[in-house]
Amino acid sequence: MLIQIDFSSEVPIYEQLVRQIVIGISRGELMPGELLPSVRQLGEDLGINLHTVNKAYNRLKTLGYVQVDRRSGSTIADSFPPLDIQTEEQLKAEIEYILADWHNRGKSHDELIALMKEIEERRTP
């Protein structure tokens, strides 16, 4: 999986990492049990601070996507916990914002449905 950081984005770098790893899992690019690069290695590869990578890995651990073992490193979890109410509400708020922005910029419902189908086709069965 190729991780790309947009240094000009308003989205914090650690959050970009979290999102790309979650998307990579969904697409089947990262499999359960797969070892992630070490914090140090990923930081060096991407040219970012190791504390930023550590923050992303800790967030992924909190979300249940990653298991961390100080000796063997960080691996993709074998299964993921269901959404808690707080996380579900945060996701709904984010989706509402995205839909409002989409609509406000003149995009149609049909274009949205087509985009969602396109994105869904990239997911693993």
Protein backbone atom coordinates (compact mmCIF):
# COMPACT_ATOMS: atom_id res chain seq x y z
CA MET A 1 0.00 0.00 0.00
CA LEU A 2 1.32 3.39 -0.96
CA ILE A 3 0.75 6.15 1.57
CA GLN A 4 0.92 9.70 0.28
CA ILE A 5 0.96 12.76 2.49
CA ASP A 6 -0.44 16.06 1.29
CA PHE A 7 1.63 18.58 3.23
CA SER A 8 -0.59 21.44 1.97
CA SER A 9 -3.81 19.82 3.26
CA GLU A 10 -5.73 21.23 6.20
CA VAL A 11 -6.17 17.64 7.41
CA PRO A 12 -3.49 16.89 10.00
CA ILE A 13 -0.80 14.47 8.82
CA TYR A 14 -1.62 11.87 11.50
CA GLU A 15 -5.27 11.93 10.38
CA GLN A 16 -4.23 11.49 6.74
CA LEU A 17 -2.31 8.38 7.84
CA VAL A 18 -5.29 7.04 9.79
CA ARG A 19 -7.66 7.58 6.87
CA GLN A 20 -5.35 6.00 4.31
CA ILE A 21 -4.78 2.92 6.47
CA VAL A 22 -8.52 2.50 7.13
CA ILE A 23 -9.19 2.83 3.39
CA GLY A 24 -6.36 0.39 2.65
CA ILE A 25 -7.96 -2.17 4.96
CA SER A 26 -11.33 -1.69 3.30
CA ARG A 27 -9.82 -2.15 -0.16
CA GLY A 28 -7.97 -5.29 0.88
CA GLU A 29 -4.57 -3.64 0.45
CA LEU A 30 -3.86 -4.31 4.13
CA MET A 31 -4.92 -7.66 5.53
CA PRO A 32 -5.68 -8.80 9.09
CA GLY A 33 -2.46 -9.79 10.84
CA GLU A 34 -0.31 -7.81 8.41
CA LEU A 35 2.62 -6.04 10.03
CA LEU A 36 2.74 -2.29 9.52
CA PRO A 37 6.08 -0.51 9.11
CA SER A 38 7.70 0.54 12.36
CA VAL A 39 7.00 4.07 13.54
CA ARG A 40 10.58 5.02 12.78
CA GLN A 41 10.60 3.40 9.32
CA LEU A 42 7.30 4.96 8.21
CA GLY A 43 8.40 8.35 9.52
CA GLU A 44 11.62 8.11 7.53
CA ASP A 45 9.87 6.84 4.39
CA LEU A 46 7.32 9.67 4.45
CA GLY A 47 9.64 12.37 5.77
CA ILE A 48 7.52 13.03 8.83
CA ASN A 49 8.13 13.11 12.56
CA LEU A 50 7.97 9.72 14.28
CA HIS A 51 5.67 11.22 16.92
CA THR A 52 3.15 11.94 14.14
CA VAL A 53 3.26 8.30 13.02
CA ASN A 54 2.97 7.17 16.65
CA LYS A 55 -0.10 9.39 17.09
CA ALA A 56 -1.70 7.83 13.99
CA TYR A 57 -0.94 4.28 15.18
CA ASN A 58 -2.35 5.06 18.62
CA ARG A 59 -5.52 6.45 17.04
CA LEU A 60 -5.85 3.30 14.91
CA LYS A 61 -5.39 1.23 18.07
CA THR A 62 -8.11 3.21 19.85
CA LEU A 63 -10.44 2.67 16.87
CA GLY A 64 -9.70 -1.07 16.99
CA TYR A 65 -7.99 -1.29 13.60
CA VAL A 66 -4.49 -2.00 14.88
CA GLN A 67 -2.99 -4.17 17.59
CA VAL A 68 0.27 -2.96 19.07
CA ASP A 69 2.89 -5.21 20.61
CA ARG A 70 6.05 -3.45 21.76
CA ARG A 71 8.18 -6.40 20.66
CA SER A 72 6.61 -7.42 17.35
CA GLY A 73 5.20 -4.05 16.26
CA SER A 74 1.83 -2.92 14.97
CA THR A 75 -0.41 -5.28 13.02
CA ILE A 76 -3.82 -4.97 11.41
CA ALA A 77 -6.42 -6.38 13.81
CA ASP A 78 -8.08 -9.68 12.96
CA SER A 79 -11.54 -8.15 13.46
CA PHE A 80 -12.90 -4.71 14.14
CA PRO A 81 -15.27 -3.66 16.93
CA PRO A 82 -18.72 -2.34 16.08
CA LEU A 83 -19.19 1.42 16.10
CA ASP A 84 -19.91 2.98 19.45
CA ILE A 85 -22.59 5.65 19.62
CA GLN A 86 -20.12 8.54 19.88
CA THR A 87 -18.10 7.43 16.84
CA GLU A 88 -21.26 6.80 14.84
CA GLU A 89 -22.51 10.31 15.63
CA GLN A 90 -19.14 11.80 14.60
CA LEU A 91 -19.28 9.90 11.31
CA LYS A 92 -22.85 11.05 10.68
CA ALA A 93 -21.82 14.67 11.27
CA GLU A 94 -18.89 14.30 8.87
CA ILE A 95 -21.12 12.71 6.22
CA GLU A 96 -23.69 15.49 6.65
CA TYR A 97 -20.98 18.11 6.10
CA ILE A 98 -19.66 16.33 3.01
CA LEU A 99 -23.16 16.00 1.54
CA ALA A 100 -23.93 19.66 2.22
CA ASP A 101 -20.68 20.74 0.59
CA TRP A 102 -21.41 18.45 -2.39
CA HIS A 103 -24.89 19.92 -2.79
CA ASN A 104 -23.80 23.52 -2.26
CA ARG A 105 -21.24 23.15 -5.05
CA GLY A 106 -23.94 22.15 -7.53
CA LYS A 107 -23.43 18.41 -7.60
CA SER A 108 -26.53 16.27 -8.15
CA HIS A 109 -27.96 13.35 -6.24
CA ASP A 110 -27.28 11.09 -9.25
CA GLU A 111 -23.62 12.17 -9.32
CA LEU A 112 -23.37 11.36 -5.62
CA ILE A 113 -24.86 7.89 -6.09
CA ALA A 114 -22.49 7.24 -9.03
CA LEU A 115 -19.52 8.32 -6.91
CA MET A 116 -20.58 6.11 -4.02
CA LYS A 117 -20.93 3.11 -6.36
CA GLU A 118 -17.47 3.83 -7.82
CA ILE A 119 -15.93 3.97 -4.35
CA GLU A 120 -17.78 0.86 -3.20
CA GLU A 121 -16.44 -1.11 -6.18
CA ARG A 122 -12.91 -0.57 -4.82
CA ARG A 123 -13.79 -2.39 -1.62
CA THR A 124 -13.10 -6.06 -1.02
CA PRO A 125 -16.13 -8.38 -1.10
